[in-house]
Amino acid sequence: MIKDLIMKNRSYRRFFEDSKVNCDALRELIDLARLSASAANRQPLKYIISCAEGKNSVIFSNIAWAAYLKDWPGPPEGERPSAYIVLLGDKDISESFIWDAGISAQSILLGATEKGLGGCMIASINKNGLREALKIPEKFEIVLVIAIGKPKEKVVIEPVGNEGDIKYWRDTEGVHHVPKRSLDELIIG
């Protein structure tokens, strides 16, 4: 059922790095994005895939992890993603692709979840560094990086408390807690 798949699709930030994701699996995930809706059907997104340690290391060094976890610099070696998908917007096709990026990323992550994988959309990117390292032409805007791998952490959803704090956090056991607003709070009419 789709709700079960969505409940399992969390933003994972720790992975079993030695559990490899092959490039064919990444191509299958991008195919899901390709088949998804696109504003005006322009299909302006392009993708760079990485499932090799060297390229993964370059991507990892140009992204930042978990802004709410101030004392956490990101996953240590052994807990890093074993694959990445870099989402690019082709400005020659369209100057507006933010809707496509959201739809595409969700399709990719739901597909990853169905495969027993997990991921995290990352928008905190050293775009100049990544562009230079991966030799990305200027006609492409770097929109997102999706980290993918076999999740190593437990993520739980809980209600937003009375104080209204929506910041995710980790407990002493390393469980990642994600507060969510109630359905009644979201429906206003």
N, C-alpha and C. Protein backbone atom coordinates (compact mmCIF):
# COMPACT_ATOMS: atom_id res chain seq x y z
N MET A 1 0.84 -1.17 0.00
CA MET A 1 0.00 0.00 0.00
C MET A 1 0.89 1.24 0.00
N ILE A 2 0.47 2.28 -0.66
CA ILE A 2 1.29 3.48 -0.81
C ILE A 2 1.60 4.14 0.53
N LYS A 3 0.67 4.13 1.48
CA LYS A 3 0.93 4.76 2.78
C LYS A 3 2.08 4.06 3.49
N ASP A 4 2.14 2.74 3.41
CA ASP A 4 3.24 2.00 4.04
C ASP A 4 4.58 2.39 3.41
N LEU A 5 4.59 2.51 2.09
CA LEU A 5 5.81 2.89 1.39
C LEU A 5 6.25 4.31 1.80
N ILE A 6 5.30 5.22 1.90
CA ILE A 6 5.60 6.59 2.32
C ILE A 6 6.10 6.62 3.76
N MET A 7 5.51 5.82 4.64
CA MET A 7 5.95 5.78 6.04
C MET A 7 7.39 5.26 6.16
N LYS A 8 7.78 4.33 5.27
CA LYS A 8 9.14 3.79 5.29
C LYS A 8 10.14 4.74 4.63
N ASN A 9 9.65 5.64 3.79
CA ASN A 9 10.51 6.57 3.06
C ASN A 9 10.86 7.76 3.95
N ARG A 10 11.90 7.62 4.73
CA ARG A 10 12.36 8.66 5.64
C ARG A 10 13.65 9.27 5.08
N SER A 11 14.10 10.35 5.64
CA SER A 11 15.40 10.92 5.28
C SER A 11 16.47 10.23 6.12
N TYR A 12 17.11 9.25 5.53
CA TYR A 12 18.16 8.50 6.22
C TYR A 12 19.50 9.19 6.02
N ARG A 13 20.29 9.23 7.08
CA ARG A 13 21.58 9.91 7.02
C ARG A 13 22.74 9.02 7.44
N ARG A 14 22.45 7.79 7.79
CA ARG A 14 23.49 6.80 8.11
C ARG A 14 23.16 5.52 7.36
N PHE A 15 24.20 4.94 6.76
CA PHE A 15 24.01 3.79 5.86
C PHE A 15 25.04 2.71 6.15
N PHE A 16 24.76 1.50 5.66
CA PHE A 16 25.76 0.45 5.62
C PHE A 16 26.55 0.68 4.34
N GLU A 17 27.66 1.40 4.47
CA GLU A 17 28.42 1.82 3.29
C GLU A 17 28.94 0.65 2.48
N ASP A 18 29.20 -0.48 3.14
CA ASP A 18 29.71 -1.65 2.42
C ASP A 18 28.62 -2.40 1.66
N SER A 19 27.37 -2.03 1.85
CA SER A 19 26.26 -2.61 1.08
C SER A 19 26.11 -1.77 -0.19
N LYS A 20 26.67 -2.26 -1.27
CA LYS A 20 26.77 -1.48 -2.50
C LYS A 20 25.43 -1.38 -3.24
N VAL A 21 25.26 -0.26 -3.92
CA VAL A 21 24.13 -0.04 -4.82
C VAL A 21 24.72 0.07 -6.20
N ASN A 22 24.26 -0.78 -7.13
CA ASN A 22 24.88 -0.74 -8.46
C ASN A 22 24.22 0.31 -9.35
N CYS A 23 24.93 0.67 -10.39
CA CYS A 23 24.45 1.73 -11.27
C CYS A 23 23.18 1.34 -12.02
N ASP A 24 22.95 0.05 -12.25
CA ASP A 24 21.70 -0.37 -12.89
C ASP A 24 20.50 -0.03 -12.00
N ALA A 25 20.66 -0.21 -10.69
CA ALA A 25 19.58 0.16 -9.76
C ALA A 25 19.32 1.66 -9.82
N LEU A 26 20.38 2.46 -9.92
CA LEU A 26 20.20 3.91 -10.02
C LEU A 26 19.49 4.28 -11.32
N ARG A 27 19.84 3.60 -12.39
CA ARG A 27 19.16 3.84 -13.68
C ARG A 27 17.67 3.51 -13.57
N GLU A 28 17.33 2.43 -12.85
CA GLU A 28 15.92 2.07 -12.65
C GLU A 28 15.19 3.16 -11.87
N LEU A 29 15.86 3.74 -10.88
CA LEU A 29 15.24 4.81 -10.09
C LEU A 29 15.03 6.06 -10.94
N ILE A 30 16.00 6.38 -11.77
CA ILE A 30 15.85 7.54 -12.66
C ILE A 30 14.75 7.29 -13.68
N ASP A 31 14.57 6.04 -14.07
CA ASP A 31 13.48 5.73 -15.00
C ASP A 31 12.12 6.03 -14.37
N LEU A 32 12.00 5.80 -13.05
CA LEU A 32 10.76 6.16 -12.35
C LEU A 32 10.53 7.66 -12.42
N ALA A 33 11.61 8.43 -12.24
CA ALA A 33 11.51 9.89 -12.33
C ALA A 33 11.14 10.30 -13.75
N ARG A 34 11.73 9.65 -14.73
CA ARG A 34 11.45 9.95 -16.13
C ARG A 34 9.98 9.76 -16.47
N LEU A 35 9.36 8.77 -15.86
CA LEU A 35 7.96 8.45 -16.14
C LEU A 35 6.99 9.31 -15.33
N SER A 36 7.51 10.08 -14.38
CA SER A 36 6.67 10.92 -13.53
C SER A 36 6.25 12.19 -14.25
N ALA A 37 5.30 12.88 -13.64
CA ALA A 37 4.79 14.14 -14.21
C ALA A 37 5.90 15.18 -14.31
N SER A 38 5.74 16.07 -15.30
CA SER A 38 6.68 17.17 -15.51
C SER A 38 5.88 18.39 -15.92
N ALA A 39 6.19 19.55 -15.32
CA ALA A 39 5.47 20.78 -15.64
C ALA A 39 5.56 21.06 -17.14
N ALA A 40 4.40 21.22 -17.76
CA ALA A 40 4.28 21.45 -19.21
C ALA A 40 4.96 20.35 -20.02
N ASN A 41 5.24 19.23 -19.38
CA ASN A 41 5.91 18.08 -19.98
C ASN A 41 7.24 18.45 -20.64
N ARG A 42 7.89 19.46 -20.10
CA ARG A 42 9.17 19.91 -20.68
C ARG A 42 10.31 18.94 -20.39
N GLN A 43 10.23 18.24 -19.26
CA GLN A 43 11.24 17.24 -18.88
C GLN A 43 12.66 17.82 -18.87
N PRO A 44 12.88 18.88 -18.06
CA PRO A 44 14.18 19.55 -18.07
C PRO A 44 15.25 18.95 -17.16
N LEU A 45 14.92 17.89 -16.44
CA LEU A 45 15.90 17.35 -15.49
C LEU A 45 16.86 16.38 -16.15
N LYS A 46 18.10 16.46 -15.72
CA LYS A 46 19.15 15.53 -16.12
C LYS A 46 19.76 15.00 -14.83
N TYR A 47 20.51 13.92 -14.92
CA TYR A 47 21.01 13.25 -13.72
C TYR A 47 22.45 12.81 -13.90
N ILE A 48 23.19 12.89 -12.83
CA ILE A 48 24.52 12.28 -12.75
C ILE A 48 24.41 11.19 -11.70
N ILE A 49 24.84 9.98 -12.05
CA ILE A 49 24.79 8.88 -11.09
C ILE A 49 26.20 8.55 -10.62
N SER A 50 26.27 8.08 -9.38
CA SER A 50 27.55 7.68 -8.82
C SER A 50 27.35 6.46 -7.94
N CYS A 51 28.11 5.42 -8.25
CA CYS A 51 28.13 4.23 -7.39
C CYS A 51 29.57 3.75 -7.20
N ALA A 52 30.53 4.62 -7.50
CA ALA A 52 31.95 4.30 -7.35
C ALA A 52 32.52 5.11 -6.18
N GLU A 53 33.37 4.46 -5.41
CA GLU A 53 33.89 5.09 -4.19
C GLU A 53 34.55 6.44 -4.43
N GLY A 54 35.38 6.57 -5.46
CA GLY A 54 36.07 7.82 -5.73
C GLY A 54 35.11 8.96 -6.03
N LYS A 55 34.16 8.70 -6.90
CA LYS A 55 33.17 9.72 -7.26
C LYS A 55 32.27 10.02 -6.06
N ASN A 56 31.91 8.99 -5.31
CA ASN A 56 31.11 9.19 -4.09
C ASN A 56 31.83 10.11 -3.12
N SER A 57 33.12 9.92 -2.97
CA SER A 57 33.91 10.74 -2.06
C SER A 57 33.91 12.21 -2.49
N VAL A 58 34.00 12.45 -3.79
CA VAL A 58 33.96 13.81 -4.32
C VAL A 58 32.61 14.46 -4.01
N ILE A 59 31.54 13.72 -4.22
CA ILE A 59 30.20 14.26 -3.95
C ILE A 59 30.04 14.51 -2.46
N PHE A 60 30.42 13.53 -1.63
CA PHE A 60 30.29 13.66 -0.19
C PHE A 60 31.00 14.92 0.32
N SER A 61 32.17 15.21 -0.23
CA SER A 61 32.94 16.36 0.25
C SER A 61 32.33 17.70 -0.16
N ASN A 62 31.30 17.67 -0.99
CA ASN A 62 30.67 18.92 -1.44
C ASN A 62 29.23 19.08 -0.96
N ILE A 63 28.84 18.31 0.06
CA ILE A 63 27.49 18.43 0.62
C ILE A 63 27.57 18.56 2.14
N ALA A 64 26.51 19.11 2.73
CA ALA A 64 26.42 19.24 4.18
C ALA A 64 25.19 18.46 4.67
N TRP A 65 25.29 17.92 5.86
CA TRP A 65 24.27 17.02 6.39
C TRP A 65 23.54 17.62 7.59
N ALA A 66 22.24 17.40 7.67
CA ALA A 66 21.42 17.55 8.88
C ALA A 66 21.64 18.86 9.64
N ALA A 67 21.09 19.93 9.11
CA ALA A 67 21.28 21.27 9.69
C ALA A 67 20.84 21.35 11.15
N TYR A 68 19.81 20.62 11.55
CA TYR A 68 19.34 20.69 12.94
C TYR A 68 20.27 19.97 13.92
N LEU A 69 21.12 19.09 13.41
CA LEU A 69 22.04 18.35 14.28
C LEU A 69 23.38 19.09 14.27
N LYS A 70 23.44 20.17 15.03
CA LYS A 70 24.56 21.11 14.99
C LYS A 70 25.93 20.48 15.27
N ASP A 71 25.99 19.49 16.13
CA ASP A 71 27.27 18.89 16.51
C ASP A 71 27.60 17.64 15.68
N TRP A 72 26.87 17.42 14.60
CA TRP A 72 27.08 16.22 13.80
C TRP A 72 27.56 16.61 12.40
N PRO A 73 28.78 16.27 12.04
CA PRO A 73 29.32 16.70 10.75
C PRO A 73 28.87 15.83 9.57
N GLY A 74 28.06 14.85 9.84
CA GLY A 74 27.63 13.93 8.79
C GLY A 74 28.12 12.53 9.09
N PRO A 75 27.72 11.59 8.27
CA PRO A 75 28.08 10.20 8.56
C PRO A 75 29.59 9.96 8.45
N PRO A 76 30.14 9.20 9.41
CA PRO A 76 31.57 8.87 9.34
C PRO A 76 31.82 7.79 8.28
N GLU A 77 33.07 7.57 7.96
CA GLU A 77 33.40 6.48 7.04
C GLU A 77 32.78 5.19 7.56
N GLY A 78 32.25 4.41 6.65
CA GLY A 78 31.57 3.17 7.01
C GLY A 78 30.06 3.36 7.12
N GLU A 79 29.60 4.62 7.28
CA GLU A 79 28.17 4.92 7.38
C GLU A 79 27.72 5.89 6.29
N ARG A 80 28.56 6.08 5.30
CA ARG A 80 28.22 7.01 4.22
C ARG A 80 27.41 6.30 3.14
N PRO A 81 26.68 7.06 2.32
CA PRO A 81 25.91 6.45 1.24
C PRO A 81 26.82 5.70 0.26
N SER A 82 26.30 4.65 -0.31
CA SER A 82 27.09 3.91 -1.31
C SER A 82 26.75 4.36 -2.73
N ALA A 83 25.83 5.32 -2.86
CA ALA A 83 25.48 5.85 -4.19
C ALA A 83 24.87 7.23 -4.05
N TYR A 84 24.90 7.96 -5.15
CA TYR A 84 24.30 9.29 -5.22
C TYR A 84 23.66 9.49 -6.58
N ILE A 85 22.63 10.32 -6.59
CA ILE A 85 22.06 10.85 -7.83
C ILE A 85 22.06 12.36 -7.69
N VAL A 86 22.71 13.03 -8.63
CA VAL A 86 22.73 14.50 -8.65
C VAL A 86 21.67 14.95 -9.64
N LEU A 87 20.71 15.74 -9.17
CA LEU A 87 19.65 16.27 -10.04
C LEU A 87 20.08 17.62 -10.59
N LEU A 88 19.97 17.74 -11.91
CA LEU A 88 20.35 18.96 -12.60
C LEU A 88 19.16 19.48 -13.39
N GLY A 89 19.04 20.79 -13.45
CA GLY A 89 18.03 21.42 -14.30
C GLY A 89 18.69 21.95 -15.55
N ASP A 90 18.21 21.52 -16.70
CA ASP A 90 18.75 21.97 -17.98
C ASP A 90 18.11 23.31 -18.33
N LYS A 91 18.87 24.40 -18.16
CA LYS A 91 18.34 25.75 -18.38
C LYS A 91 18.06 26.02 -19.86
N ASP A 92 18.60 25.21 -20.76
CA ASP A 92 18.27 25.35 -22.18
C ASP A 92 16.85 24.88 -22.48
N ILE A 93 16.32 24.01 -21.61
CA ILE A 93 14.96 23.50 -21.79
C ILE A 93 13.96 24.35 -21.04
N SER A 94 14.30 24.72 -19.79
CA SER A 94 13.39 25.51 -18.96
C SER A 94 14.18 26.21 -17.86
N GLU A 95 13.76 27.40 -17.51
CA GLU A 95 14.35 28.12 -16.37
C GLU A 95 13.66 27.75 -15.07
N SER A 96 12.56 27.01 -15.15
CA SER A 96 11.75 26.68 -13.98
C SER A 96 11.59 25.17 -13.91
N PHE A 97 12.24 24.55 -12.92
CA PHE A 97 12.16 23.09 -12.80
C PHE A 97 12.06 22.62 -11.36
N ILE A 98 11.72 23.54 -10.46
CA ILE A 98 11.66 23.18 -9.05
C ILE A 98 10.54 22.17 -8.77
N TRP A 99 9.41 22.29 -9.47
CA TRP A 99 8.33 21.32 -9.27
C TRP A 99 8.76 19.95 -9.76
N ASP A 100 9.39 19.94 -10.91
CA ASP A 100 9.87 18.67 -11.45
C ASP A 100 10.85 18.01 -10.49
N ALA A 101 11.72 18.81 -9.89
CA ALA A 101 12.73 18.26 -8.98
C ALA A 101 12.07 17.57 -7.79
N GLY A 102 11.04 18.19 -7.22
CA GLY A 102 10.35 17.58 -6.09
C GLY A 102 9.67 16.28 -6.46
N ILE A 103 8.98 16.30 -7.60
CA ILE A 103 8.29 15.10 -8.08
C ILE A 103 9.31 14.00 -8.37
N SER A 104 10.37 14.36 -9.07
CA SER A 104 11.41 13.41 -9.44
C SER A 104 12.07 12.79 -8.21
N ALA A 105 12.46 13.64 -7.27
CA ALA A 105 13.14 13.15 -6.07
C ALA A 105 12.25 12.21 -5.27
N GLN A 106 10.97 12.55 -5.15
CA GLN A 106 10.05 11.67 -4.41
C GLN A 106 9.88 10.34 -5.13
N SER A 107 9.78 10.36 -6.44
CA SER A 107 9.67 9.11 -7.20
C SER A 107 10.91 8.25 -7.00
N ILE A 108 12.08 8.88 -7.05
CA ILE A 108 13.34 8.15 -6.85
C ILE A 108 13.38 7.54 -5.45
N LEU A 109 13.03 8.32 -4.44
CA LEU A 109 13.11 7.82 -3.06
C LEU A 109 12.07 6.74 -2.77
N LEU A 110 10.88 6.87 -3.33
CA LEU A 110 9.89 5.80 -3.15
C LEU A 110 10.37 4.53 -3.83
N GLY A 111 10.96 4.65 -5.00
CA GLY A 111 11.52 3.48 -5.69
C GLY A 111 12.65 2.86 -4.89
N ALA A 112 13.49 3.69 -4.30
CA ALA A 112 14.59 3.17 -3.46
C ALA A 112 14.03 2.42 -2.26
N THR A 113 13.00 2.99 -1.65
CA THR A 113 12.38 2.34 -0.49
C THR A 113 11.81 0.99 -0.88
N GLU A 114 11.17 0.92 -2.03
CA GLU A 114 10.62 -0.36 -2.51
C GLU A 114 11.72 -1.41 -2.71
N LYS A 115 12.93 -0.96 -3.02
CA LYS A 115 14.07 -1.86 -3.22
C LYS A 115 14.79 -2.21 -1.90
N GLY A 116 14.27 -1.70 -0.76
CA GLY A 116 14.91 -1.96 0.51
C GLY A 116 16.05 -1.01 0.80
N LEU A 117 16.12 0.08 0.04
CA LEU A 117 17.14 1.10 0.23
C LEU A 117 16.51 2.31 0.91
N GLY A 118 17.32 3.29 1.18
CA GLY A 118 16.84 4.54 1.73
C GLY A 118 17.66 5.66 1.16
N GLY A 119 17.23 6.88 1.44
CA GLY A 119 17.97 8.00 0.90
C GLY A 119 17.68 9.29 1.64
N CYS A 120 18.31 10.34 1.15
CA CYS A 120 18.13 11.65 1.73
C CYS A 120 18.33 12.69 0.64
N MET A 121 17.36 13.61 0.51
CA MET A 121 17.52 14.74 -0.41
C MET A 121 18.39 15.78 0.28
N ILE A 122 19.40 16.23 -0.42
CA ILE A 122 20.32 17.20 0.15
C ILE A 122 20.37 18.42 -0.76
N ALA A 123 20.04 19.58 -0.18
CA ALA A 123 20.08 20.83 -0.94
C ALA A 123 21.21 21.74 -0.47
N SER A 124 21.88 21.36 0.62
CA SER A 124 23.01 22.13 1.11
C SER A 124 24.26 21.61 0.39
N ILE A 125 24.58 22.27 -0.71
CA ILE A 125 25.59 21.79 -1.65
C ILE A 125 26.59 22.90 -1.94
N ASN A 126 27.85 22.57 -1.95
CA ASN A 126 28.88 23.47 -2.46
C ASN A 126 28.81 23.34 -3.99
N LYS A 127 27.94 24.13 -4.59
CA LYS A 127 27.65 23.97 -6.02
C LYS A 127 28.87 24.26 -6.89
N ASN A 128 29.66 25.26 -6.55
CA ASN A 128 30.85 25.55 -7.35
C ASN A 128 31.85 24.40 -7.27
N GLY A 129 32.06 23.88 -6.08
CA GLY A 129 32.98 22.76 -5.89
C GLY A 129 32.52 21.52 -6.61
N LEU A 130 31.22 21.21 -6.51
CA LEU A 130 30.68 20.03 -7.17
C LEU A 130 30.72 20.19 -8.69
N ARG A 131 30.36 21.37 -9.17
CA ARG A 131 30.40 21.64 -10.62
C ARG A 131 31.81 21.41 -11.17
N GLU A 132 32.79 21.96 -10.47
CA GLU A 132 34.18 21.81 -10.92
C GLU A 132 34.64 20.35 -10.85
N ALA A 133 34.35 19.69 -9.73
CA ALA A 133 34.82 18.31 -9.53
C ALA A 133 34.21 17.33 -10.54
N LEU A 134 32.93 17.54 -10.87
CA LEU A 134 32.24 16.63 -11.79
C LEU A 134 32.19 17.16 -13.22
N LYS A 135 32.81 18.32 -13.44
CA LYS A 135 32.85 18.94 -14.77
C LYS A 135 31.45 19.12 -15.35
N ILE A 136 30.58 19.74 -14.55
CA ILE A 136 29.19 19.98 -14.95
C ILE A 136 29.12 21.28 -15.74
N PRO A 137 28.65 21.24 -16.97
CA PRO A 137 28.55 22.47 -17.78
C PRO A 137 27.61 23.50 -17.14
N GLU A 138 27.87 24.76 -17.41
CA GLU A 138 27.10 25.88 -16.85
C GLU A 138 25.62 25.85 -17.22
N LYS A 139 25.28 25.21 -18.33
CA LYS A 139 23.88 25.19 -18.74
C LYS A 139 23.01 24.38 -17.78
N PHE A 140 23.64 23.63 -16.85
CA PHE A 140 22.91 22.83 -15.88
C PHE A 140 22.97 23.49 -14.51
N GLU A 141 21.81 23.68 -13.90
CA GLU A 141 21.76 24.14 -12.51
C GLU A 141 21.75 22.92 -11.61
N ILE A 142 22.61 22.91 -10.61
CA ILE A 142 22.61 21.82 -9.63
C ILE A 142 21.46 22.09 -8.67
N VAL A 143 20.50 21.17 -8.62
CA VAL A 143 19.28 21.37 -7.84
C VAL A 143 19.34 20.61 -6.51
N LEU A 144 19.63 19.33 -6.56
CA LEU A 144 19.64 18.46 -5.39
C LEU A 144 20.68 17.37 -5.56
N VAL A 145 21.11 16.83 -4.44
CA VAL A 145 21.85 15.58 -4.43
C VAL A 145 21.02 14.61 -3.61
N ILE A 146 20.80 13.42 -4.14
CA ILE A 146 20.09 12.38 -3.39
C ILE A 146 21.11 11.32 -2.99
N ALA A 147 21.31 11.16 -1.69
CA ALA A 147 22.17 10.11 -1.16
C ALA A 147 21.34 8.84 -1.07
N ILE A 148 21.94 7.72 -1.47
CA ILE A 148 21.21 6.45 -1.48
C ILE A 148 22.08 5.33 -0.91
N GLY A 149 21.45 4.46 -0.14
CA GLY A 149 22.15 3.31 0.40
C GLY A 149 21.22 2.47 1.25
N LYS A 150 21.78 1.45 1.87
CA LYS A 150 21.00 0.62 2.79
C LYS A 150 21.01 1.32 4.14
N PRO A 151 19.83 1.72 4.65
CA PRO A 151 19.78 2.49 5.90
C PRO A 151 20.36 1.73 7.09
N LYS A 152 21.10 2.47 7.92
CA LYS A 152 21.69 1.90 9.13
C LYS A 152 21.02 2.46 10.38
N GLU A 153 20.14 3.41 10.22
CA GLU A 153 19.54 4.04 11.38
C GLU A 153 18.04 3.80 11.41
N LYS A 154 17.50 3.93 12.61
CA LYS A 154 16.06 3.86 12.80
C LYS A 154 15.52 5.28 12.84
N VAL A 155 14.48 5.53 12.07
CA VAL A 155 13.83 6.84 12.05
C VAL A 155 12.38 6.64 12.46
N VAL A 156 11.93 7.43 13.44
CA VAL A 156 10.55 7.32 13.91
C VAL A 156 9.84 8.66 13.75
N ILE A 157 8.58 8.57 13.42
CA ILE A 157 7.72 9.75 13.32
C ILE A 157 6.96 9.89 14.63
N GLU A 158 6.87 11.11 15.12
CA GLU A 158 6.14 11.37 16.35
C GLU A 158 5.38 12.68 16.20
N PRO A 159 4.37 12.90 17.02
CA PRO A 159 3.62 14.17 16.94
C PRO A 159 4.47 15.36 17.37
N VAL A 160 4.21 16.51 16.77
CA VAL A 160 4.83 17.75 17.23
C VAL A 160 4.32 18.01 18.64
N GLY A 161 5.22 18.36 19.54
CA GLY A 161 4.84 18.61 20.93
C GLY A 161 4.09 19.93 21.11
N ASN A 162 3.65 20.18 22.32
CA ASN A 162 2.89 21.39 22.64
C ASN A 162 3.65 22.67 22.33
N GLU A 163 4.98 22.62 22.42
CA GLU A 163 5.80 23.81 22.15
C GLU A 163 5.90 24.10 20.65
N GLY A 164 5.47 23.16 19.80
CA GLY A 164 5.45 23.38 18.35
C GLY A 164 6.77 23.17 17.64
N ASP A 165 7.76 22.60 18.32
CA ASP A 165 9.08 22.41 17.73
C ASP A 165 9.05 21.29 16.68
N ILE A 166 9.43 21.61 15.46
CA ILE A 166 9.41 20.63 14.36
C ILE A 166 10.81 20.11 14.05
N LYS A 167 11.83 20.52 14.81
CA LYS A 167 13.20 20.11 14.53
C LYS A 167 13.39 18.62 14.85
N TYR A 168 13.98 17.91 13.89
CA TYR A 168 14.30 16.50 14.14
C TYR A 168 15.48 16.43 15.11
N TRP A 169 15.63 15.27 15.77
CA TRP A 169 16.67 15.10 16.76
C TRP A 169 17.00 13.62 16.92
N ARG A 170 18.12 13.36 17.59
CA ARG A 170 18.54 11.99 17.86
C ARG A 170 18.60 11.78 19.36
N ASP A 171 18.14 10.60 19.78
CA ASP A 171 18.24 10.28 21.20
C ASP A 171 19.58 9.61 21.50
N THR A 172 19.79 9.23 22.75
CA THR A 172 21.08 8.65 23.15
C THR A 172 21.35 7.30 22.50
N GLU A 173 20.32 6.65 21.99
CA GLU A 173 20.48 5.37 21.30
C GLU A 173 20.72 5.55 19.80
N GLY A 174 20.73 6.81 19.34
CA GLY A 174 20.94 7.09 17.92
C GLY A 174 19.69 7.03 17.07
N VAL A 175 18.52 6.87 17.72
CA VAL A 175 17.26 6.84 16.98
C VAL A 175 16.94 8.27 16.54
N HIS A 176 16.60 8.41 15.29
CA HIS A 176 16.32 9.72 14.70
C HIS A 176 14.82 9.98 14.82
N HIS A 177 14.43 11.05 15.51
CA HIS A 177 13.03 11.39 15.76
C HIS A 177 12.61 12.54 14.86
N VAL A 178 11.47 12.39 14.20
CA VAL A 178 10.98 13.40 13.26
C VAL A 178 9.56 13.81 13.66
N PRO A 179 9.40 15.01 14.27
CA PRO A 179 8.06 15.47 14.63
C PRO A 179 7.24 15.85 13.39
N LYS A 180 5.98 15.44 13.37
CA LYS A 180 5.08 15.77 12.27
C LYS A 180 3.82 16.42 12.84
N ARG A 181 3.36 17.46 12.15
CA ARG A 181 2.12 18.12 12.55
C ARG A 181 0.95 17.16 12.34
N SER A 182 -0.12 17.36 13.09
CA SER A 182 -1.29 16.48 12.98
C SER A 182 -2.06 16.80 11.70
N LEU A 183 -2.82 15.83 11.23
CA LEU A 183 -3.65 16.02 10.04
C LEU A 183 -4.66 17.14 10.26
N ASP A 184 -5.27 17.19 11.44
CA ASP A 184 -6.24 18.24 11.73
C ASP A 184 -5.62 19.63 11.70
N GLU A 185 -4.35 19.75 12.05
CA GLU A 185 -3.67 21.03 12.00
C GLU A 185 -3.43 21.50 10.56
N LEU A 186 -3.30 20.54 9.66
CA LEU A 186 -2.99 20.85 8.27
C LEU A 186 -4.22 21.22 7.44
N ILE A 187 -5.35 20.64 7.78
CA ILE A 187 -6.58 20.89 7.02
C ILE A 187 -7.28 22.10 7.62
N ILE A 188 -7.38 23.16 6.85
CA ILE A 188 -7.93 24.40 7.41
C ILE A 188 -9.33 24.75 6.90
N GLY A 189 -9.85 23.94 6.07
CA GLY A 189 -11.19 24.25 5.57
C GLY A 189 -11.86 23.07 4.94
